[in-house]
N, C-alpha and C. Protein backbone atom coordinates (compact mmCIF):
# COMPACT_ATOMS: atom_id res chain seq x y z
N MET A 1 -123.18 -5.28 -85.18
CA MET A 1 -122.27 -6.29 -85.68
C MET A 1 -120.80 -5.89 -85.48
N LYS A 2 -120.51 -4.58 -85.63
CA LYS A 2 -119.14 -4.13 -85.40
C LYS A 2 -118.68 -4.41 -83.98
N SER A 3 -119.58 -4.20 -83.03
CA SER A 3 -119.19 -4.42 -81.63
C SER A 3 -118.93 -5.90 -81.36
N VAL A 4 -119.63 -6.81 -82.02
CA VAL A 4 -119.40 -8.24 -81.86
C VAL A 4 -118.00 -8.59 -82.37
N TRP A 5 -117.64 -8.08 -83.55
CA TRP A 5 -116.32 -8.35 -84.12
C TRP A 5 -115.22 -7.74 -83.24
N LYS A 6 -115.49 -6.54 -82.76
CA LYS A 6 -114.51 -5.88 -81.89
C LYS A 6 -114.31 -6.70 -80.62
N SER A 7 -115.39 -7.15 -80.01
CA SER A 7 -115.30 -7.97 -78.79
C SER A 7 -114.58 -9.27 -79.07
N LEU A 8 -114.89 -9.90 -80.20
CA LEU A 8 -114.24 -11.15 -80.57
C LEU A 8 -112.75 -10.94 -80.80
N THR A 9 -112.39 -9.86 -81.46
CA THR A 9 -110.99 -9.55 -81.72
C THR A 9 -110.24 -9.33 -80.40
N ILE A 10 -110.83 -8.58 -79.49
CA ILE A 10 -110.20 -8.34 -78.19
C ILE A 10 -110.04 -9.65 -77.43
N PHE A 11 -111.09 -10.49 -77.45
CA PHE A 11 -111.02 -11.78 -76.77
C PHE A 11 -109.90 -12.63 -77.34
N LEU A 12 -109.80 -12.72 -78.67
CA LEU A 12 -108.76 -13.53 -79.30
C LEU A 12 -107.37 -12.98 -79.00
N LEU A 13 -107.25 -11.66 -78.95
CA LEU A 13 -105.97 -11.05 -78.63
C LEU A 13 -105.51 -11.46 -77.24
N PHE A 14 -106.39 -11.35 -76.25
CA PHE A 14 -106.03 -11.73 -74.89
C PHE A 14 -105.86 -13.24 -74.74
N ALA A 15 -106.62 -14.01 -75.47
CA ALA A 15 -106.53 -15.47 -75.37
C ALA A 15 -105.21 -15.99 -75.92
N THR A 16 -104.63 -15.30 -76.90
CA THR A 16 -103.39 -15.77 -77.50
C THR A 16 -102.15 -15.17 -76.85
N MET A 17 -102.31 -14.18 -75.97
CA MET A 17 -101.16 -13.59 -75.30
C MET A 17 -100.66 -14.56 -74.23
N SER A 18 -99.37 -14.73 -74.19
CA SER A 18 -98.83 -15.57 -73.12
C SER A 18 -98.38 -14.68 -71.99
N PRO A 19 -98.58 -15.12 -70.76
CA PRO A 19 -98.15 -14.30 -69.63
C PRO A 19 -96.63 -14.18 -69.60
N ALA A 20 -96.15 -13.16 -68.94
CA ALA A 20 -94.71 -13.00 -68.78
C ALA A 20 -94.17 -14.20 -68.04
N PRO A 21 -93.06 -14.77 -68.54
CA PRO A 21 -92.51 -15.91 -67.84
C PRO A 21 -92.15 -15.52 -66.42
N GLY A 22 -92.47 -16.37 -65.51
CA GLY A 22 -92.18 -16.05 -64.12
C GLY A 22 -91.98 -17.32 -63.34
N GLN A 23 -91.40 -17.16 -62.20
CA GLN A 23 -91.17 -18.30 -61.32
C GLN A 23 -91.47 -17.84 -59.92
N SER A 24 -92.57 -18.32 -59.39
CA SER A 24 -92.90 -18.02 -58.00
C SER A 24 -92.68 -19.29 -57.20
N GLY A 25 -92.87 -19.20 -55.92
CA GLY A 25 -92.66 -20.36 -55.09
C GLY A 25 -91.19 -20.64 -54.82
N LEU A 26 -90.32 -19.73 -55.22
CA LEU A 26 -88.90 -19.86 -54.89
C LEU A 26 -88.72 -19.56 -53.41
N PHE A 27 -87.70 -20.08 -52.85
CA PHE A 27 -87.31 -19.68 -51.50
C PHE A 27 -85.81 -19.85 -51.43
N HIS A 28 -85.12 -18.79 -51.81
CA HIS A 28 -83.67 -18.81 -51.86
C HIS A 28 -83.18 -17.78 -50.84
N ARG A 29 -82.64 -18.26 -49.73
CA ARG A 29 -82.19 -17.36 -48.65
C ARG A 29 -80.93 -16.61 -49.06
N ALA A 30 -80.81 -15.40 -48.52
CA ALA A 30 -79.61 -14.61 -48.73
C ALA A 30 -78.43 -15.26 -48.03
N GLU A 31 -77.25 -15.00 -48.55
CA GLU A 31 -76.01 -15.48 -47.93
C GLU A 31 -75.80 -14.80 -46.58
N ASN A 32 -74.87 -15.29 -45.81
CA ASN A 32 -74.41 -14.68 -44.55
C ASN A 32 -75.50 -14.55 -43.50
N GLN A 33 -76.46 -15.45 -43.49
CA GLN A 33 -77.52 -15.45 -42.46
C GLN A 33 -78.39 -14.20 -42.46
N VAL A 34 -78.42 -13.46 -43.56
CA VAL A 34 -79.30 -12.29 -43.66
C VAL A 34 -80.73 -12.81 -43.75
N GLN A 35 -81.64 -12.27 -42.96
CA GLN A 35 -83.01 -12.77 -42.86
C GLN A 35 -83.91 -12.23 -43.98
N ILE A 36 -83.51 -12.51 -45.22
CA ILE A 36 -84.24 -12.11 -46.43
C ILE A 36 -84.23 -13.31 -47.37
N ALA A 37 -85.34 -13.52 -48.08
CA ALA A 37 -85.40 -14.60 -49.07
C ALA A 37 -85.86 -14.05 -50.41
N LEU A 38 -85.30 -14.59 -51.46
CA LEU A 38 -85.75 -14.31 -52.82
C LEU A 38 -86.89 -15.28 -53.08
N ILE A 39 -88.10 -14.74 -53.37
CA ILE A 39 -89.26 -15.62 -53.45
C ILE A 39 -89.90 -15.69 -54.84
N ALA A 40 -89.53 -14.78 -55.76
CA ALA A 40 -90.12 -14.83 -57.10
C ALA A 40 -89.23 -14.09 -58.08
N VAL A 41 -89.28 -14.57 -59.33
CA VAL A 41 -88.59 -13.93 -60.44
C VAL A 41 -89.58 -13.84 -61.59
N LYS A 42 -89.72 -12.63 -62.15
CA LYS A 42 -90.59 -12.45 -63.31
C LYS A 42 -89.74 -11.83 -64.42
N ARG A 43 -89.81 -12.45 -65.60
CA ARG A 43 -88.99 -12.01 -66.72
C ARG A 43 -89.86 -11.58 -67.88
N ASN A 44 -89.49 -10.46 -68.49
CA ASN A 44 -90.11 -10.06 -69.74
C ASN A 44 -89.09 -9.30 -70.57
N ALA A 45 -89.50 -8.79 -71.71
CA ALA A 45 -88.56 -8.12 -72.61
C ALA A 45 -88.02 -6.82 -72.04
N ASP A 46 -88.75 -6.20 -71.11
CA ASP A 46 -88.34 -4.90 -70.56
C ASP A 46 -87.45 -5.00 -69.33
N HIS A 47 -87.65 -6.02 -68.51
CA HIS A 47 -86.90 -6.11 -67.26
C HIS A 47 -87.02 -7.50 -66.64
N THR A 48 -86.18 -7.75 -65.66
CA THR A 48 -86.31 -8.92 -64.80
C THR A 48 -86.67 -8.40 -63.42
N GLU A 49 -87.75 -8.91 -62.87
CA GLU A 49 -88.24 -8.46 -61.57
C GLU A 49 -87.91 -9.53 -60.54
N ILE A 50 -87.33 -9.08 -59.43
CA ILE A 50 -86.97 -9.96 -58.33
C ILE A 50 -87.78 -9.54 -57.11
N GLN A 51 -88.43 -10.49 -56.46
CA GLN A 51 -89.18 -10.19 -55.24
C GLN A 51 -88.44 -10.78 -54.05
N LEU A 52 -88.19 -9.92 -53.07
CA LEU A 52 -87.52 -10.32 -51.84
C LEU A 52 -88.49 -10.18 -50.68
N GLU A 53 -88.41 -11.08 -49.71
CA GLU A 53 -89.30 -11.05 -48.55
C GLU A 53 -88.48 -11.02 -47.26
N ALA A 54 -88.87 -10.10 -46.37
CA ALA A 54 -88.24 -10.04 -45.05
C ALA A 54 -88.70 -11.24 -44.23
N LEU A 55 -87.77 -11.94 -43.60
CA LEU A 55 -88.10 -13.14 -42.84
C LEU A 55 -88.18 -12.90 -41.35
N SER A 56 -87.53 -11.87 -40.88
CA SER A 56 -87.52 -11.62 -39.43
C SER A 56 -88.60 -10.62 -39.06
N ALA A 57 -88.80 -10.45 -37.77
CA ALA A 57 -89.85 -9.57 -37.26
C ALA A 57 -89.72 -8.16 -37.80
N SER A 58 -88.52 -7.65 -37.93
CA SER A 58 -88.33 -6.36 -38.57
C SER A 58 -86.91 -6.28 -39.10
N ARG A 59 -86.80 -5.64 -40.22
CA ARG A 59 -85.49 -5.47 -40.87
C ARG A 59 -85.33 -3.99 -41.12
N GLY A 60 -84.51 -3.33 -40.33
CA GLY A 60 -84.38 -1.89 -40.41
C GLY A 60 -83.16 -1.45 -41.17
N GLY A 61 -83.13 -0.16 -41.50
CA GLY A 61 -81.97 0.45 -42.15
C GLY A 61 -81.73 0.00 -43.56
N VAL A 62 -82.79 -0.34 -44.30
CA VAL A 62 -82.64 -0.88 -45.66
C VAL A 62 -82.79 0.24 -46.68
N CYS A 63 -81.86 0.27 -47.63
CA CYS A 63 -81.97 1.17 -48.78
C CYS A 63 -81.24 0.52 -49.96
N TRP A 64 -81.51 1.03 -51.15
CA TRP A 64 -80.90 0.49 -52.37
C TRP A 64 -80.23 1.62 -53.12
N ASN A 65 -78.99 1.37 -53.57
CA ASN A 65 -78.24 2.32 -54.38
C ASN A 65 -78.59 2.12 -55.85
N LYS A 66 -79.19 3.13 -56.45
CA LYS A 66 -79.56 2.99 -57.86
C LYS A 66 -78.34 3.08 -58.77
N ALA A 67 -77.31 3.76 -58.32
CA ALA A 67 -76.09 3.88 -59.11
C ALA A 67 -74.90 3.83 -58.16
N GLY A 68 -73.72 3.76 -58.72
CA GLY A 68 -72.51 3.77 -57.92
C GLY A 68 -71.99 2.38 -57.62
N PRO A 69 -70.91 2.32 -56.84
CA PRO A 69 -70.23 1.05 -56.63
C PRO A 69 -71.03 0.01 -55.84
N ASP A 70 -71.99 0.43 -55.04
CA ASP A 70 -72.78 -0.54 -54.27
C ASP A 70 -74.18 -0.74 -54.82
N SER A 71 -74.39 -0.37 -56.06
CA SER A 71 -75.67 -0.64 -56.73
C SER A 71 -75.74 -2.13 -57.04
N PRO A 72 -76.87 -2.77 -56.73
CA PRO A 72 -76.97 -4.21 -56.97
C PRO A 72 -77.04 -4.52 -58.47
N TYR A 73 -76.72 -5.74 -58.81
CA TYR A 73 -76.83 -6.19 -60.19
C TYR A 73 -77.02 -7.70 -60.21
N LEU A 74 -77.48 -8.19 -61.34
CA LEU A 74 -77.60 -9.63 -61.56
C LEU A 74 -76.40 -10.07 -62.38
N ILE A 75 -75.91 -11.25 -62.10
CA ILE A 75 -74.86 -11.86 -62.91
C ILE A 75 -75.46 -13.12 -63.54
N ALA A 76 -75.42 -13.18 -64.86
CA ALA A 76 -75.90 -14.36 -65.59
C ALA A 76 -75.20 -14.39 -66.94
N GLU A 77 -74.95 -15.57 -67.41
CA GLU A 77 -74.33 -15.71 -68.73
C GLU A 77 -73.04 -14.89 -68.83
N GLU A 78 -72.30 -14.82 -67.72
CA GLU A 78 -71.02 -14.09 -67.63
C GLU A 78 -71.15 -12.59 -67.92
N ARG A 79 -72.34 -12.03 -67.64
CA ARG A 79 -72.58 -10.60 -67.82
C ARG A 79 -73.25 -10.05 -66.58
N ARG A 80 -73.17 -8.73 -66.42
CA ARG A 80 -73.86 -8.03 -65.34
C ARG A 80 -75.08 -7.32 -65.92
N PHE A 81 -76.19 -7.40 -65.18
CA PHE A 81 -77.44 -6.75 -65.59
C PHE A 81 -77.78 -5.76 -64.48
N ARG A 82 -77.81 -4.48 -64.84
CA ARG A 82 -77.89 -3.43 -63.83
C ARG A 82 -79.28 -3.24 -63.26
N PHE A 83 -79.31 -2.73 -62.05
CA PHE A 83 -80.51 -2.38 -61.30
C PHE A 83 -81.13 -1.13 -61.93
N THR A 84 -82.44 -1.16 -62.13
CA THR A 84 -83.13 -0.01 -62.74
C THR A 84 -84.16 0.64 -61.83
N GLY A 85 -84.55 -0.02 -60.75
CA GLY A 85 -85.55 0.55 -59.84
C GLY A 85 -86.36 -0.53 -59.19
N GLY A 86 -87.50 -0.14 -58.63
CA GLY A 86 -88.34 -1.13 -57.98
C GLY A 86 -89.55 -0.52 -57.30
N ASP A 87 -90.25 -1.33 -56.54
CA ASP A 87 -91.43 -0.92 -55.79
C ASP A 87 -91.23 -1.28 -54.32
N ASN A 88 -91.80 -0.47 -53.45
CA ASN A 88 -91.74 -0.70 -52.01
C ASN A 88 -90.30 -0.72 -51.51
N ILE A 89 -89.46 0.14 -52.13
CA ILE A 89 -88.07 0.27 -51.71
C ILE A 89 -87.74 1.75 -51.57
N THR A 90 -86.63 2.05 -50.90
CA THR A 90 -86.16 3.43 -50.80
C THR A 90 -84.76 3.51 -51.39
N SER A 91 -84.46 4.68 -51.94
CA SER A 91 -83.13 4.94 -52.49
C SER A 91 -82.22 5.49 -51.40
N CYS A 92 -81.00 4.99 -51.35
CA CYS A 92 -80.03 5.49 -50.37
C CYS A 92 -79.75 6.96 -50.63
N PRO A 93 -79.57 7.76 -49.62
CA PRO A 93 -79.30 7.39 -48.24
C PRO A 93 -80.56 7.21 -47.38
N GLU A 94 -81.75 7.50 -47.92
CA GLU A 94 -82.98 7.29 -47.13
C GLU A 94 -83.11 5.80 -46.84
N ARG A 95 -83.49 5.48 -45.61
CA ARG A 95 -83.61 4.08 -45.19
C ARG A 95 -85.00 3.81 -44.65
N ARG A 96 -85.37 2.55 -44.65
CA ARG A 96 -86.69 2.18 -44.12
C ARG A 96 -86.65 0.84 -43.41
N LEU A 97 -87.73 0.56 -42.72
CA LEU A 97 -87.91 -0.66 -41.96
C LEU A 97 -88.89 -1.56 -42.71
N TYR A 98 -88.61 -2.85 -42.76
CA TYR A 98 -89.52 -3.84 -43.34
C TYR A 98 -90.00 -4.76 -42.23
N ARG A 99 -91.30 -4.96 -42.19
CA ARG A 99 -91.88 -5.90 -41.24
C ARG A 99 -91.75 -7.32 -41.79
N GLU A 100 -91.90 -8.31 -40.91
CA GLU A 100 -91.87 -9.70 -41.34
C GLU A 100 -92.90 -9.93 -42.44
N ARG A 101 -92.49 -10.65 -43.49
CA ARG A 101 -93.31 -11.03 -44.64
C ARG A 101 -93.54 -9.86 -45.63
N GLU A 102 -92.95 -8.69 -45.38
CA GLU A 102 -93.10 -7.57 -46.30
C GLU A 102 -92.20 -7.81 -47.52
N ILE A 103 -92.70 -7.41 -48.69
CA ILE A 103 -92.06 -7.69 -49.97
C ILE A 103 -91.40 -6.44 -50.54
N MET A 104 -90.20 -6.62 -51.08
CA MET A 104 -89.48 -5.61 -51.85
C MET A 104 -89.44 -6.10 -53.29
N VAL A 105 -89.65 -5.22 -54.25
CA VAL A 105 -89.59 -5.58 -55.66
C VAL A 105 -88.44 -4.80 -56.29
N LEU A 106 -87.49 -5.53 -56.88
CA LEU A 106 -86.34 -4.93 -57.55
C LEU A 106 -86.43 -5.25 -59.03
N ARG A 107 -86.09 -4.28 -59.87
CA ARG A 107 -86.09 -4.51 -61.33
C ARG A 107 -84.68 -4.28 -61.88
N PHE A 108 -84.34 -5.15 -62.82
CA PHE A 108 -83.03 -5.12 -63.45
C PHE A 108 -83.20 -5.18 -64.96
N GLU A 109 -82.13 -4.88 -65.67
CA GLU A 109 -82.15 -5.09 -67.12
C GLU A 109 -82.58 -6.54 -67.36
N PRO A 110 -83.25 -6.79 -68.49
CA PRO A 110 -83.78 -8.15 -68.72
C PRO A 110 -82.67 -9.19 -68.90
N LEU A 111 -82.87 -10.32 -68.23
CA LEU A 111 -81.98 -11.46 -68.45
C LEU A 111 -82.29 -12.08 -69.80
N PRO A 112 -81.31 -12.65 -70.47
CA PRO A 112 -81.60 -13.33 -71.74
C PRO A 112 -82.47 -14.56 -71.50
N PRO A 113 -83.33 -14.89 -72.46
CA PRO A 113 -84.23 -16.05 -72.28
C PRO A 113 -83.50 -17.35 -71.98
N GLU A 114 -82.27 -17.51 -72.48
CA GLU A 114 -81.55 -18.76 -72.28
C GLU A 114 -80.92 -18.87 -70.88
N ALA A 115 -80.92 -17.80 -70.11
CA ALA A 115 -80.32 -17.84 -68.77
C ALA A 115 -81.13 -18.76 -67.86
N ARG A 116 -80.46 -19.72 -67.23
CA ARG A 116 -81.12 -20.68 -66.33
C ARG A 116 -80.63 -20.56 -64.89
N GLU A 117 -79.69 -19.62 -64.67
CA GLU A 117 -79.17 -19.40 -63.34
C GLU A 117 -78.64 -17.97 -63.28
N PHE A 118 -78.76 -17.35 -62.11
CA PHE A 118 -78.21 -16.02 -61.92
C PHE A 118 -77.83 -15.85 -60.45
N SER A 119 -77.08 -14.82 -60.19
CA SER A 119 -76.77 -14.40 -58.83
C SER A 119 -77.14 -12.93 -58.72
N LEU A 120 -77.71 -12.54 -57.59
CA LEU A 120 -77.97 -11.14 -57.29
C LEU A 120 -76.89 -10.72 -56.30
N VAL A 121 -76.09 -9.71 -56.67
CA VAL A 121 -74.98 -9.25 -55.85
C VAL A 121 -75.20 -7.78 -55.55
N GLU A 122 -74.98 -7.41 -54.29
CA GLU A 122 -75.18 -6.02 -53.90
C GLU A 122 -73.88 -5.23 -54.11
N GLY A 123 -73.54 -5.02 -55.38
CA GLY A 123 -72.43 -4.16 -55.78
C GLY A 123 -71.07 -4.62 -55.28
N GLU A 124 -70.13 -3.66 -55.26
CA GLU A 124 -68.77 -3.97 -54.85
C GLU A 124 -68.71 -4.47 -53.41
N GLY A 125 -69.58 -3.94 -52.55
CA GLY A 125 -69.60 -4.41 -51.17
C GLY A 125 -69.99 -5.88 -51.10
N GLY A 126 -70.96 -6.28 -51.92
CA GLY A 126 -71.35 -7.69 -51.98
C GLY A 126 -70.24 -8.56 -52.53
N GLU A 127 -69.54 -8.06 -53.54
CA GLU A 127 -68.41 -8.81 -54.09
C GLU A 127 -67.31 -8.95 -53.05
N ASP A 128 -67.01 -7.85 -52.34
CA ASP A 128 -65.99 -7.91 -51.28
C ASP A 128 -66.38 -8.95 -50.24
N GLN A 129 -67.65 -8.96 -49.85
CA GLN A 129 -68.11 -9.90 -48.84
C GLN A 129 -67.94 -11.34 -49.33
N MET A 130 -68.21 -11.58 -50.61
CA MET A 130 -68.04 -12.93 -51.17
C MET A 130 -66.57 -13.36 -51.13
N ARG A 131 -65.65 -12.40 -51.24
CA ARG A 131 -64.22 -12.71 -51.21
C ARG A 131 -63.66 -12.71 -49.80
N GLY A 132 -64.52 -12.49 -48.79
CA GLY A 132 -64.07 -12.52 -47.41
C GLY A 132 -63.52 -11.20 -46.90
N ILE A 133 -63.72 -10.12 -47.64
CA ILE A 133 -63.27 -8.80 -47.21
C ILE A 133 -64.43 -8.13 -46.49
N ALA A 134 -64.32 -7.97 -45.20
CA ALA A 134 -65.42 -7.42 -44.40
C ALA A 134 -65.37 -5.90 -44.39
N ARG A 135 -66.53 -5.29 -44.36
CA ARG A 135 -66.66 -3.86 -44.14
C ARG A 135 -67.35 -3.71 -42.79
N PRO A 136 -66.68 -3.08 -41.82
CA PRO A 136 -67.28 -2.96 -40.49
C PRO A 136 -68.67 -2.32 -40.54
N ASN A 137 -69.58 -2.90 -39.78
CA ASN A 137 -70.96 -2.38 -39.63
C ASN A 137 -71.78 -2.40 -40.92
N GLU A 138 -71.38 -3.16 -41.92
CA GLU A 138 -72.18 -3.26 -43.15
C GLU A 138 -72.38 -4.73 -43.50
N THR A 139 -73.60 -5.06 -43.88
CA THR A 139 -73.92 -6.39 -44.37
C THR A 139 -74.57 -6.23 -45.73
N PHE A 140 -74.04 -6.91 -46.71
CA PHE A 140 -74.57 -6.83 -48.06
C PHE A 140 -75.37 -8.09 -48.36
N TRP A 141 -76.39 -7.92 -49.19
CA TRP A 141 -77.26 -9.04 -49.52
C TRP A 141 -76.81 -9.65 -50.83
N ASN A 142 -76.49 -10.92 -50.81
CA ASN A 142 -76.16 -11.67 -52.01
C ASN A 142 -77.04 -12.90 -52.07
N PHE A 143 -77.52 -13.20 -53.25
CA PHE A 143 -78.30 -14.42 -53.51
C PHE A 143 -77.57 -15.13 -54.64
N LEU A 144 -76.86 -16.18 -54.31
CA LEU A 144 -75.97 -16.81 -55.26
C LEU A 144 -76.58 -18.07 -55.88
N TYR A 145 -76.35 -18.21 -57.18
CA TYR A 145 -76.72 -19.41 -57.95
C TYR A 145 -78.21 -19.74 -57.85
N VAL A 146 -79.05 -18.77 -58.12
CA VAL A 146 -80.50 -18.96 -58.12
C VAL A 146 -80.87 -19.66 -59.43
N LYS A 147 -81.53 -20.80 -59.32
CA LYS A 147 -81.92 -21.59 -60.49
C LYS A 147 -83.25 -21.07 -61.06
N LEU A 148 -83.32 -21.03 -62.38
CA LEU A 148 -84.54 -20.62 -63.09
C LEU A 148 -85.09 -21.79 -63.89
N ASN A 149 -86.40 -21.79 -64.09
CA ASN A 149 -87.03 -22.82 -64.94
C ASN A 149 -86.68 -22.58 -66.38
């Protein structure tokens, strides 16, 4: 009888849990003709997860700065939410190649539940690029005004 109650309790626990809010099926291309698209956003109390997909046959020389002036961040509700890590990515200065359709997962501090739009900016370099200040031989990835459900 104890095992029946235990099984029922576990079933009820899982049945009442709501999945982490997420939005898949997005297709928000990066600015400046960069062949990368933001395809999913998953939000929970611990972090906001952003999934990026390589659109071209290969995208080489990619790395992410976990700290410093070119570390990416999210802008929402007039605040910055810092990058905390991810999956299938490399930390600068190590670089890697992404094949077409390969996914990168980036995690940031959690966005507030009321946030309905955000921008992903690749640090000061991304901000400079948005203001028209070019850095020779560097392209930064920005995803501006991404709408959330």
